[in-house]
Amino acid sequence: MKYMSSKVLFFSSLLMFFASCEKKDVVMDSSTSDSDVTTAIDNSLAEGLFSDAESIADQASQGQLTSFLPVFDKDIEKLDEELKKVYEKSNCATVYHDTSSSLKVLTIDFGSVNCLCNDGRNRRGEVIVSYEGRYRDTNSIHTISFNDYFVNDNQVLGTKTVLNNGLNSDGKINFSIEVDGSIVKSNSTDTIVWVSSRIRTWEEGSSTIFNWLDDVYTITGDASGVNSAGVSYTINITTPLRMELNCRWISSGAVEVKPEGKLKRLVDYGTGSCDANATITIAGISFPVVLP
């Protein structure tokens, strides 16, 4: 398995973006008293954490995650210089790979106390991947679960299931991804419920098995949940999100956020440039923002 760790950076940026836009949201929408950004922030947090877990699982299976030593034996001298640095920096987790039965289990253990990983996030606990078949094999299923797993003291609960659908009509590998999960926020009192159904298409980079840096994916689908204030909401990707692993931000696509009883918020990430520019539209009024 290999997949896009950079999307985690994107959703973290989205979280910071909504927080930074709170005052603008209040000013623009004061006539309707619709100034609540809780849903957008909570959704971004949940999506980011579940995406992060998938990236950890995918890269761990290839021994490529920047947070810990390789899973499988490799001759590091045969790697290019960029990948060498990744391996040499790894130091945050221990990986256990149980292949004794047909249902294989990959456990990524960050320990019982917070470990500051190379991406700047503190993690503790375990990410557990149960699977039959290789990630690239059609109809293979990988289920990700958690054991006392925390990221920056936010606890991740539930499951994420990845089904390989094989090649689509364009000859590209695509996956169905289902999440039934929740996040207990770092204050230990607020909980986010998050359920999503997505299709992820491997647009570029599938032929370079041990180099995920050239990977490009598109994401479509929707999500729903309950934010930390108890308000239900829905999320819909209105334009496919394009994720490039060599870019910190999402390069194109749009997401519609709809809290119950509130106006829709449309976030547009542009048309393909690797930059921090995005646009938010509320009640027909748009303004540019710069993502952190």
C-alpha atoms as a PDB file:
ATOM      1  CA  MET A   1       0.000   0.000   0.000  1.00  0.00           C
ATOM      2  CA  LYS A   2       1.143   3.491  -0.661  1.00  0.00           C
ATOM      3  CA  TYR A   3      -0.833   6.630  -0.598  1.00  0.00           C
ATOM      4  CA  MET A   4      -0.702  10.373  -0.121  1.00  0.00           C
ATOM      5  CA  SER A   5       0.590  11.615   3.159  1.00  0.00           C
ATOM      6  CA  SER A   6       0.484  15.174   1.840  1.00  0.00           C
ATOM      7  CA  LYS A   7      -3.308  15.203   2.019  1.00  0.00           C
ATOM      8  CA  VAL A   8      -2.924  15.248   5.787  1.00  0.00           C
ATOM      9  CA  LEU A   9      -1.053  18.530   5.463  1.00  0.00           C
ATOM     10  CA  PHE A  10      -3.861  19.823   3.262  1.00  0.00           C
ATOM     11  CA  PHE A  11      -6.637  19.078   5.741  1.00  0.00           C
ATOM     12  CA  SER A  12      -4.579  20.539   8.591  1.00  0.00           C
ATOM     13  CA  SER A  13      -4.222  23.674   6.467  1.00  0.00           C
ATOM     14  CA  LEU A  14      -7.992  23.667   5.855  1.00  0.00           C
ATOM     15  CA  LEU A  15      -8.590  23.492   9.596  1.00  0.00           C
ATOM     16  CA  MET A  16      -6.355  26.496  10.201  1.00  0.00           C
ATOM     17  CA  PHE A  17      -7.972  28.282   7.275  1.00  0.00           C
ATOM     18  CA  PHE A  18     -11.483  28.093   8.692  1.00  0.00           C
ATOM     19  CA  ALA A  19     -10.255  29.211  12.081  1.00  0.00           C
ATOM     20  CA  SER A  20      -8.486  32.212  10.531  1.00  0.00           C
ATOM     21  CA  CYS A  21     -11.594  33.149   8.543  1.00  0.00           C
ATOM     22  CA  GLU A  22     -13.967  33.241  11.496  1.00  0.00           C
ATOM     23  CA  LYS A  23     -14.084  37.030  11.800  1.00  0.00           C
ATOM     24  CA  LYS A  24     -14.634  37.448   8.062  1.00  0.00           C
ATOM     25  CA  ASP A  25     -17.464  34.924   8.196  1.00  0.00           C
ATOM     26  CA  VAL A  26     -19.149  36.891  10.977  1.00  0.00           C
ATOM     27  CA  VAL A  27     -18.911  40.181   9.088  1.00  0.00           C
ATOM     28  CA  MET A  28     -20.177  38.786   5.798  1.00  0.00           C
ATOM     29  CA  ASP A  29     -23.071  36.866   7.255  1.00  0.00           C
ATOM     30  CA  SER A  30     -24.176  39.003  10.172  1.00  0.00           C
ATOM     31  CA  SER A  31     -27.559  39.694   8.577  1.00  0.00           C
ATOM     32  CA  THR A  32     -28.489  36.044   8.929  1.00  0.00           C
ATOM     33  CA  SER A  33     -26.701  35.449  12.246  1.00  0.00           C
ATOM     34  CA  ASP A  34     -24.909  32.612  10.474  1.00  0.00           C
ATOM     35  CA  SER A  35     -21.358  32.961  11.695  1.00  0.00           C
ATOM     36  CA  ASP A  36     -20.709  29.475  13.038  1.00  0.00           C
ATOM     37  CA  VAL A  37     -17.559  27.741  11.754  1.00  0.00           C
ATOM     38  CA  THR A  38     -17.710  24.785  14.181  1.00  0.00           C
ATOM     39  CA  THR A  39     -18.836  22.327  11.512  1.00  0.00           C
ATOM     40  CA  ALA A  40     -16.129  23.279   9.050  1.00  0.00           C
ATOM     41  CA  ILE A  41     -13.427  23.055  11.710  1.00  0.00           C
ATOM     42  CA  ASP A  42     -14.686  19.744  13.134  1.00  0.00           C
ATOM     43  CA  ASN A  43     -15.085  18.166   9.707  1.00  0.00           C
ATOM     44  CA  SER A  44     -11.587  19.223   8.731  1.00  0.00           C
ATOM     45  CA  LEU A  45     -10.177  17.768  11.932  1.00  0.00           C
ATOM     46  CA  ALA A  46     -11.970  14.432  11.492  1.00  0.00           C
ATOM     47  CA  GLU A  47     -11.161  14.089   7.815  1.00  0.00           C
ATOM     48  CA  GLY A  48      -7.551  15.036   8.431  1.00  0.00           C
ATOM     49  CA  LEU A  49      -7.064  12.471  11.191  1.00  0.00           C
ATOM     50  CA  PHE A  50      -8.643   9.596   9.258  1.00  0.00           C
ATOM     51  CA  SER A  51      -6.673  10.544   6.163  1.00  0.00           C
ATOM     52  CA  ASP A  52      -3.525  10.632   8.269  1.00  0.00           C
ATOM     53  CA  ALA A  53      -4.202   7.117   9.567  1.00  0.00           C
ATOM     54  CA  GLU A  54      -4.642   5.813   6.042  1.00  0.00           C
ATOM     55  CA  SER A  55      -1.385   7.415   4.933  1.00  0.00           C
ATOM     56  CA  ILE A  56       0.401   5.802   7.874  1.00  0.00           C
ATOM     57  CA  ALA A  57      -1.062   2.392   7.014  1.00  0.00           C
ATOM     58  CA  ASP A  58      -0.336   2.676   3.309  1.00  0.00           C
ATOM     59  CA  GLN A  59       3.248   3.798   3.714  1.00  0.00           C
ATOM     60  CA  ALA A  60       3.972   1.362   6.538  1.00  0.00           C
ATOM     61  CA  SER A  61       3.239  -1.553   4.259  1.00  0.00           C
ATOM     62  CA  GLN A  62       5.984  -0.318   1.934  1.00  0.00           C
ATOM     63  CA  GLY A  63       8.351   0.625   4.775  1.00  0.00           C
ATOM     64  CA  GLN A  64       8.283   4.233   3.610  1.00  0.00           C
ATOM     65  CA  LEU A  65       6.635   6.226   6.404  1.00  0.00           C
ATOM     66  CA  THR A  66       8.827   9.097   7.575  1.00  0.00           C
ATOM     67  CA  SER A  67       7.920   8.511  11.223  1.00  0.00           C
ATOM     68  CA  PHE A  68       9.650   5.176  11.776  1.00  0.00           C
ATOM     69  CA  LEU A  69      12.137   2.625  10.491  1.00  0.00           C
ATOM     70  CA  PRO A  70      11.298   0.504   7.429  1.00  0.00           C
ATOM     71  CA  VAL A  71       8.998  -2.473   7.895  1.00  0.00           C
ATOM     72  CA  PHE A  72      10.783  -4.687   5.400  1.00  0.00           C
ATOM     73  CA  ASP A  73      14.487  -5.238   4.814  1.00  0.00           C
ATOM     74  CA  LYS A  74      15.801  -3.013   2.050  1.00  0.00           C
ATOM     75  CA  ASP A  75      19.249  -2.066   0.800  1.00  0.00           C
ATOM     76  CA  ILE A  76      19.223   1.628   1.681  1.00  0.00           C
ATOM     77  CA  GLU A  77      22.233   2.252  -0.545  1.00  0.00           C
ATOM     78  CA  LYS A  78      20.078   1.458  -3.582  1.00  0.00           C
ATOM     79  CA  LEU A  79      17.557   4.182  -2.751  1.00  0.00           C
ATOM     80  CA  ASP A  80      17.759   7.653  -4.224  1.00  0.00           C
ATOM     81  CA  GLU A  81      19.062  10.415  -1.963  1.00  0.00           C
ATOM     82  CA  GLU A  82      15.617  11.769  -1.078  1.00  0.00           C
ATOM     83  CA  LEU A  83      14.331   8.383   0.074  1.00  0.00           C
ATOM     84  CA  LYS A  84      17.563   7.712   1.981  1.00  0.00           C
ATOM     85  CA  LYS A  85      16.909  10.796   4.083  1.00  0.00           C
ATOM     86  CA  VAL A  86      13.388   9.540   4.826  1.00  0.00           C
ATOM     87  CA  TYR A  87      14.678   6.214   6.125  1.00  0.00           C
ATOM     88  CA  GLU A  88      17.538   7.717   8.102  1.00  0.00           C
ATOM     89  CA  LYS A  89      15.236  10.202   9.880  1.00  0.00           C
ATOM     90  CA  SER A  90      12.686   7.574  10.889  1.00  0.00           C
ATOM     91  CA  ASN A  91      12.502   7.075  14.639  1.00  0.00           C
ATOM     92  CA  CYS A  92       9.012   7.355  16.086  1.00  0.00           C
ATOM     93  CA  ALA A  93       7.186   4.016  15.851  1.00  0.00           C
ATOM     94  CA  THR A  94       7.624   0.263  15.913  1.00  0.00           C
ATOM     95  CA  VAL A  95       5.978  -1.866  13.239  1.00  0.00           C
ATOM     96  CA  TYR A  96       4.771  -5.435  13.729  1.00  0.00           C
ATOM     97  CA  HIS A  97       3.698  -7.510  10.725  1.00  0.00           C
ATOM     98  CA  ASP A  98       1.817 -10.726  11.533  1.00  0.00           C
ATOM     99  CA  THR A  99       1.514 -12.968   8.464  1.00  0.00           C
ATOM    100  CA  SER A 100       0.762 -16.212  10.302  1.00  0.00           C
ATOM    101  CA  SER A 101      -2.813 -16.479   8.984  1.00  0.00           C
ATOM    102  CA  SER A 102      -4.735 -15.552   5.842  1.00  0.00           C
ATOM    103  CA  LEU A 103      -5.924 -12.374   7.572  1.00  0.00           C
ATOM    104  CA  LYS A 104      -2.649 -10.522   7.964  1.00  0.00           C
ATOM    105  CA  VAL A 105      -2.230  -7.754  10.533  1.00  0.00           C
ATOM    106  CA  LEU A 106       0.074  -4.762  10.362  1.00  0.00           C
ATOM    107  CA  THR A 107       0.411  -2.867  13.656  1.00  0.00           C
ATOM    108  CA  ILE A 108       2.080   0.535  13.830  1.00  0.00           C
ATOM    109  CA  ASP A 109       2.808   1.240  17.492  1.00  0.00           C
ATOM    110  CA  PHE A 110       3.716   4.794  18.522  1.00  0.00           C
ATOM    111  CA  GLY A 111       4.059   3.833  22.191  1.00  0.00           C
ATOM    112  CA  SER A 112       2.058   4.795  25.263  1.00  0.00           C
ATOM    113  CA  VAL A 113       3.337   8.379  25.548  1.00  0.00           C
ATOM    114  CA  ASN A 114       3.350  11.125  22.962  1.00  0.00           C
ATOM    115  CA  CYS A 115       6.090  10.909  20.352  1.00  0.00           C
ATOM    116  CA  LEU A 116       6.833  13.999  18.276  1.00  0.00           C
ATOM    117  CA  CYS A 117       6.974  12.638  14.730  1.00  0.00           C
ATOM    118  CA  ASN A 118       8.811  14.081  11.772  1.00  0.00           C
ATOM    119  CA  ASP A 119       5.671  15.786  10.473  1.00  0.00           C
ATOM    120  CA  GLY A 120       5.435  17.841  13.679  1.00  0.00           C
ATOM    121  CA  ARG A 121       2.515  15.926  15.205  1.00  0.00           C
ATOM    122  CA  ASN A 122       2.485  14.104  18.538  1.00  0.00           C
ATOM    123  CA  ARG A 123       1.176  10.540  18.340  1.00  0.00           C
ATOM    124  CA  ARG A 124       0.647   7.675  20.751  1.00  0.00           C
ATOM    125  CA  GLY A 125      -1.168   4.348  20.581  1.00  0.00           C
ATOM    126  CA  GLU A 126      -1.614   1.960  17.691  1.00  0.00           C
ATOM    127  CA  VAL A 127      -2.887   2.025  14.111  1.00  0.00           C
ATOM    128  CA  ILE A 128      -3.914  -1.521  13.141  1.00  0.00           C
ATOM    129  CA  VAL A 129      -4.394  -2.729   9.555  1.00  0.00           C
ATOM    130  CA  SER A 130      -6.109  -6.073   8.892  1.00  0.00           C
ATOM    131  CA  TYR A 131      -6.002  -7.283   5.293  1.00  0.00           C
ATOM    132  CA  GLU A 132      -6.183 -10.122   2.805  1.00  0.00           C
ATOM    133  CA  GLY A 133      -4.488  -9.635  -0.541  1.00  0.00           C
ATOM    134  CA  ARG A 134      -2.115  -6.966  -1.717  1.00  0.00           C
ATOM    135  CA  TYR A 135      -3.148  -3.343  -1.806  1.00  0.00           C
ATOM    136  CA  ARG A 136      -2.882  -3.308  -5.615  1.00  0.00           C
ATOM    137  CA  ASP A 137      -4.965  -6.482  -6.067  1.00  0.00           C
ATOM    138  CA  THR A 138      -8.525  -6.109  -7.311  1.00  0.00           C
ATOM    139  CA  ASN A 139     -11.108  -6.851  -4.569  1.00  0.00           C
ATOM    140  CA  SER A 140      -8.517  -6.710  -1.785  1.00  0.00           C
ATOM    141  CA  ILE A 141      -9.878  -5.171   1.412  1.00  0.00           C
ATOM    142  CA  HIS A 142      -7.916  -3.377   4.094  1.00  0.00           C
ATOM    143  CA  THR A 143      -9.543  -2.357   7.368  1.00  0.00           C
ATOM    144  CA  ILE A 144      -7.888   0.220   9.607  1.00  0.00           C
ATOM    145  CA  SER A 145      -8.734   0.353  13.308  1.00  0.00           C
ATOM    146  CA  PHE A 146      -7.209   1.929  16.399  1.00  0.00           C
ATOM    147  CA  ASN A 147      -6.067   1.055  19.893  1.00  0.00           C
ATOM    148  CA  ASP A 148      -5.764   4.021  22.284  1.00  0.00           C
ATOM    149  CA  TYR A 149      -4.582   6.073  19.304  1.00  0.00           C
ATOM    150  CA  PHE A 150      -4.149   9.832  19.675  1.00  0.00           C
ATOM    151  CA  VAL A 151      -2.862  12.611  17.421  1.00  0.00           C
ATOM    152  CA  ASN A 152      -2.058  15.839  19.246  1.00  0.00           C
ATOM    153  CA  ASP A 153      -4.209  14.434  22.084  1.00  0.00           C
ATOM    154  CA  ASN A 154      -7.259  13.964  19.819  1.00  0.00           C
ATOM    155  CA  GLN A 155      -8.420  10.343  20.094  1.00  0.00           C
ATOM    156  CA  VAL A 156      -9.334   8.527  16.875  1.00  0.00           C
ATOM    157  CA  LEU A 157     -12.047   5.825  17.121  1.00  0.00           C
ATOM    158  CA  GLY A 158     -13.849   3.615  14.631  1.00  0.00           C
ATOM    159  CA  THR A 159     -12.864   1.921  11.372  1.00  0.00           C
ATOM    160  CA  LYS A 160     -11.810   2.834   7.859  1.00  0.00           C
ATOM    161  CA  THR A 161     -12.244   0.258   5.083  1.00  0.00           C
ATOM    162  CA  VAL A 162     -10.461   0.424   1.730  1.00  0.00           C
ATOM    163  CA  LEU A 163     -11.689  -1.762  -1.162  1.00  0.00           C
ATOM    164  CA  ASN A 164      -9.661  -2.024  -4.361  1.00  0.00           C
ATOM    165  CA  ASN A 165     -12.158  -1.791  -7.235  1.00  0.00           C
ATOM    166  CA  GLY A 166      -9.577  -2.587  -9.884  1.00  0.00           C
ATOM    167  CA  LEU A 167      -9.247  -0.525 -13.039  1.00  0.00           C
ATOM    168  CA  ASN A 168     -11.883   1.990 -14.031  1.00  0.00           C
ATOM    169  CA  SER A 169     -12.910   2.752 -17.620  1.00  0.00           C
ATOM    170  CA  ASP A 170      -9.809   4.925 -17.982  1.00  0.00           C
ATOM    171  CA  GLY A 171      -7.525   2.085 -16.911  1.00  0.00           C
ATOM    172  CA  LYS A 172      -6.731   3.619 -13.507  1.00  0.00           C
ATOM    173  CA  ILE A 173      -6.804   1.879 -10.117  1.00  0.00           C
ATOM    174  CA  ASN A 174      -9.583   3.171  -7.896  1.00  0.00           C
ATOM    175  CA  PHE A 175     -10.688   2.447  -4.355  1.00  0.00           C
ATOM    176  CA  SER A 176     -13.948   2.658  -2.396  1.00  0.00           C
ATOM    177  CA  ILE A 177     -13.299   4.116   1.049  1.00  0.00           C
ATOM    178  CA  GLU A 178     -15.791   3.926   3.910  1.00  0.00           C
ATOM    179  CA  VAL A 179     -15.304   5.512   7.332  1.00  0.00           C
ATOM    180  CA  ASP A 180     -17.485   4.970  10.395  1.00  0.00           C
ATOM    181  CA  GLY A 181     -15.706   6.860  13.096  1.00  0.00           C
ATOM    182  CA  SER A 182     -15.512   9.532  15.724  1.00  0.00           C
ATOM    183  CA  ILE A 183     -12.986  11.881  17.283  1.00  0.00           C
ATOM    184  CA  VAL A 184     -12.776  12.722  20.969  1.00  0.00           C
ATOM    185  CA  LYS A 185     -11.198  16.156  20.868  1.00  0.00           C
ATOM    186  CA  SER A 186      -8.158  17.011  22.924  1.00  0.00           C
ATOM    187  CA  ASN A 187     -10.271  18.732  25.584  1.00  0.00           C
ATOM    188  CA  SER A 188     -11.720  15.240  26.341  1.00  0.00           C
ATOM    189  CA  THR A 189     -15.276  16.582  26.485  1.00  0.00           C
ATOM    190  CA  ASP A 190     -16.280  17.199  22.855  1.00  0.00           C
ATOM    191  CA  THR A 191     -16.884  14.400  20.351  1.00  0.00           C
ATOM    192  CA  ILE A 192     -17.206  14.549  16.568  1.00  0.00           C
ATOM    193  CA  VAL A 193     -19.113  11.820  14.712  1.00  0.00           C
ATOM    194  CA  TRP A 194     -17.859  11.366  11.136  1.00  0.00           C
ATOM    195  CA  VAL A 195     -19.113   9.002   8.423  1.00  0.00           C
ATOM    196  CA  SER A 196     -17.864   9.166   4.837  1.00  0.00           C
ATOM    197  CA  SER A 197     -18.075   7.347   1.520  1.00  0.00           C
ATOM    198  CA  ARG A 198     -15.479   8.191  -1.113  1.00  0.00           C
ATOM    199  CA  ILE A 199     -13.951   7.014  -4.366  1.00  0.00           C
ATOM    200  CA  ARG A 200     -10.196   7.534  -4.629  1.00  0.00           C
ATOM    201  CA  THR A 201      -8.600   7.251  -8.072  1.00  0.00           C
ATOM    202  CA  TRP A 202      -4.868   6.737  -8.531  1.00  0.00           C
ATOM    203  CA  GLU A 203      -4.206   9.180 -11.353  1.00  0.00           C
ATOM    204  CA  GLU A 204      -0.401   9.139 -11.512  1.00  0.00           C
ATOM    205  CA  GLY A 205       2.557   7.353  -9.913  1.00  0.00           C
ATOM    206  CA  SER A 206       1.156   3.829  -9.597  1.00  0.00           C
ATOM    207  CA  SER A 207       4.050   2.382 -11.596  1.00  0.00           C
ATOM    208  CA  THR A 208       6.737   3.626  -9.172  1.00  0.00           C
ATOM    209  CA  ILE A 209       6.108   1.241  -6.313  1.00  0.00           C
ATOM    210  CA  PHE A 210       8.753   2.461  -3.871  1.00  0.00           C
ATOM    211  CA  ASN A 211       8.409   6.180  -4.533  1.00  0.00           C
ATOM    212  CA  TRP A 212       5.174   7.760  -3.318  1.00  0.00           C
ATOM    213  CA  LEU A 213       6.390  11.313  -3.981  1.00  0.00           C
ATOM    214  CA  ASP A 214       5.136  11.243  -7.584  1.00  0.00           C
ATOM    215  CA  ASP A 215       1.660   9.997  -6.654  1.00  0.00           C
ATOM    216  CA  VAL A 216      -1.422  11.959  -7.700  1.00  0.00           C
ATOM    217  CA  TYR A 217      -4.960  11.051  -6.590  1.00  0.00           C
ATOM    218  CA  THR A 218      -8.430  12.453  -7.130  1.00  0.00           C
ATOM    219  CA  ILE A 219     -11.169  12.131  -4.512  1.00  0.00           C
ATOM    220  CA  THR A 220     -14.945  12.219  -4.981  1.00  0.00           C
ATOM    221  CA  GLY A 221     -17.853  11.472  -2.656  1.00  0.00           C
ATOM    222  CA  ASP A 222     -19.553  12.787   0.450  1.00  0.00           C
ATOM    223  CA  ALA A 223     -19.639  12.661   4.233  1.00  0.00           C
ATOM    224  CA  SER A 224     -21.948  13.371   7.143  1.00  0.00           C
ATOM    225  CA  GLY A 225     -21.734  13.612  10.873  1.00  0.00           C
ATOM    226  CA  VAL A 226     -22.419  15.503  14.062  1.00  0.00           C
ATOM    227  CA  ASN A 227     -20.120  18.302  15.139  1.00  0.00           C
ATOM    228  CA  SER A 228     -18.840  18.874  18.652  1.00  0.00           C
ATOM    229  CA  ALA A 229     -21.794  21.163  19.390  1.00  0.00           C
ATOM    230  CA  GLY A 230     -24.288  18.419  18.510  1.00  0.00           C
ATOM    231  CA  VAL A 231     -25.259  19.845  15.100  1.00  0.00           C
ATOM    232  CA  SER A 232     -25.688  17.457  12.174  1.00  0.00           C
ATOM    233  CA  TYR A 233     -24.029  18.291   8.876  1.00  0.00           C
ATOM    234  CA  THR A 234     -23.267  17.003   5.389  1.00  0.00           C
ATOM    235  CA  ILE A 235     -20.201  17.350   3.176  1.00  0.00           C
ATOM    236  CA  ASN A 236     -20.156  16.980  -0.592  1.00  0.00           C
ATOM    237  CA  ILE A 237     -17.168  17.154  -2.926  1.00  0.00           C
ATOM    238  CA  THR A 238     -18.619  19.191  -5.791  1.00  0.00           C
ATOM    239  CA  THR A 239     -15.450  19.144  -7.910  1.00  0.00           C
ATOM    240  CA  PRO A 240     -12.979  16.248  -7.538  1.00  0.00           C
ATOM    241  CA  LEU A 241     -10.135  17.049  -5.170  1.00  0.00           C
ATOM    242  CA  ARG A 242      -6.706  16.637  -6.735  1.00  0.00           C
ATOM    243  CA  MET A 243      -3.966  15.578  -4.328  1.00  0.00           C
ATOM    244  CA  GLU A 244      -0.320  15.694  -5.409  1.00  0.00           C
ATOM    245  CA  LEU A 245       2.172  14.220  -3.016  1.00  0.00           C
ATOM    246  CA  ASN A 246       4.865  16.686  -3.982  1.00  0.00           C
ATOM    247  CA  CYS A 247       2.601  19.622  -3.101  1.00  0.00           C
ATOM    248  CA  ARG A 248       1.653  20.752   0.384  1.00  0.00           C
ATOM    249  CA  TRP A 249      -1.813  21.937  -0.667  1.00  0.00           C
ATOM    250  CA  ILE A 250      -4.629  20.466  -2.684  1.00  0.00           C
ATOM    251  CA  SER A 251      -4.167  21.797  -6.215  1.00  0.00           C
ATOM    252  CA  SER A 252      -7.795  21.866  -7.389  1.00  0.00           C
ATOM    253  CA  GLY A 253     -11.346  20.918  -6.469  1.00  0.00           C
ATOM    254  CA  ALA A 254     -14.195  22.206  -4.327  1.00  0.00           C
ATOM    255  CA  VAL A 255     -16.054  21.093  -1.174  1.00  0.00           C
ATOM    256  CA  GLU A 256     -19.541  22.093  -0.049  1.00  0.00           C
ATOM    257  CA  VAL A 257     -20.103  22.220   3.724  1.00  0.00           C
ATOM    258  CA  LYS A 258     -23.755  22.293   4.939  1.00  0.00           C
ATOM    259  CA  PRO A 259     -24.486  22.469   8.682  1.00  0.00           C
ATOM    260  CA  GLU A 260     -28.096  21.788   9.669  1.00  0.00           C
ATOM    261  CA  GLY A 261     -30.010  25.081   9.748  1.00  0.00           C
ATOM    262  CA  LYS A 262     -27.080  27.033   8.296  1.00  0.00           C
ATOM    263  CA  LEU A 263     -26.029  28.306   4.898  1.00  0.00           C
ATOM    264  CA  LYS A 264     -23.783  26.265   2.634  1.00  0.00           C
ATOM    265  CA  ARG A 265     -20.091  27.089   2.618  1.00  0.00           C
ATOM    266  CA  LEU A 266     -18.262  26.380  -0.664  1.00  0.00           C
ATOM    267  CA  VAL A 267     -14.479  26.111  -0.544  1.00  0.00           C
ATOM    268  CA  ASP A 268     -12.737  26.246  -3.942  1.00  0.00           C
ATOM    269  CA  TYR A 269      -9.056  25.265  -4.171  1.00  0.00           C
ATOM    270  CA  GLY A 270      -8.331  26.529  -7.671  1.00  0.00           C
ATOM    271  CA  THR A 271      -7.644  24.965 -11.053  1.00  0.00           C
ATOM    272  CA  GLY A 272      -4.322  23.166 -10.747  1.00  0.00           C
ATOM    273  CA  SER A 273      -1.576  25.392  -9.389  1.00  0.00           C
ATOM    274  CA  CYS A 274       0.454  24.216  -6.411  1.00  0.00           C
ATOM    275  CA  ASP A 275      -0.132  27.196  -4.161  1.00  0.00           C
ATOM    276  CA  ALA A 276      -1.884  28.241  -0.959  1.00  0.00           C
ATOM    277  CA  ASN A 277      -4.658  30.218  -2.667  1.00  0.00           C
ATOM    278  CA  ALA A 278      -8.315  29.307  -2.172  1.00  0.00           C
ATOM    279  CA  THR A 279     -11.740  30.968  -2.320  1.00  0.00           C
ATOM    280  CA  ILE A 280     -14.670  30.710   0.070  1.00  0.00           C
ATOM    281  CA  THR A 281     -18.237  31.554  -0.970  1.00  0.00           C
ATOM    282  CA  ILE A 282     -21.132  32.148   1.434  1.00  0.00           C
ATOM    283  CA  ALA A 283     -24.546  33.378   0.241  1.00  0.00           C
ATOM    284  CA  GLY A 284     -23.125  34.207  -3.175  1.00  0.00           C
ATOM    285  CA  ILE A 285     -20.314  36.359  -1.818  1.00  0.00           C
ATOM    286  CA  SER A 286     -16.774  35.174  -2.548  1.00  0.00           C
ATOM    287  CA  PHE A 287     -13.429  36.313  -1.242  1.00  0.00           C
ATOM    288  CA  PRO A 288      -9.870  35.001  -1.619  1.00  0.00           C
ATOM    289  CA  VAL A 289      -7.920  33.461   1.219  1.00  0.00           C
ATOM    290  CA  VAL A 290      -4.375  32.232   1.627  1.00  0.00           C
ATOM    291  CA  LEU A 291      -3.994  28.860   3.349  1.00  0.00           C
ATOM    292  CA  PRO A 292      -1.238  28.528   5.987  1.00  0.00           C
END
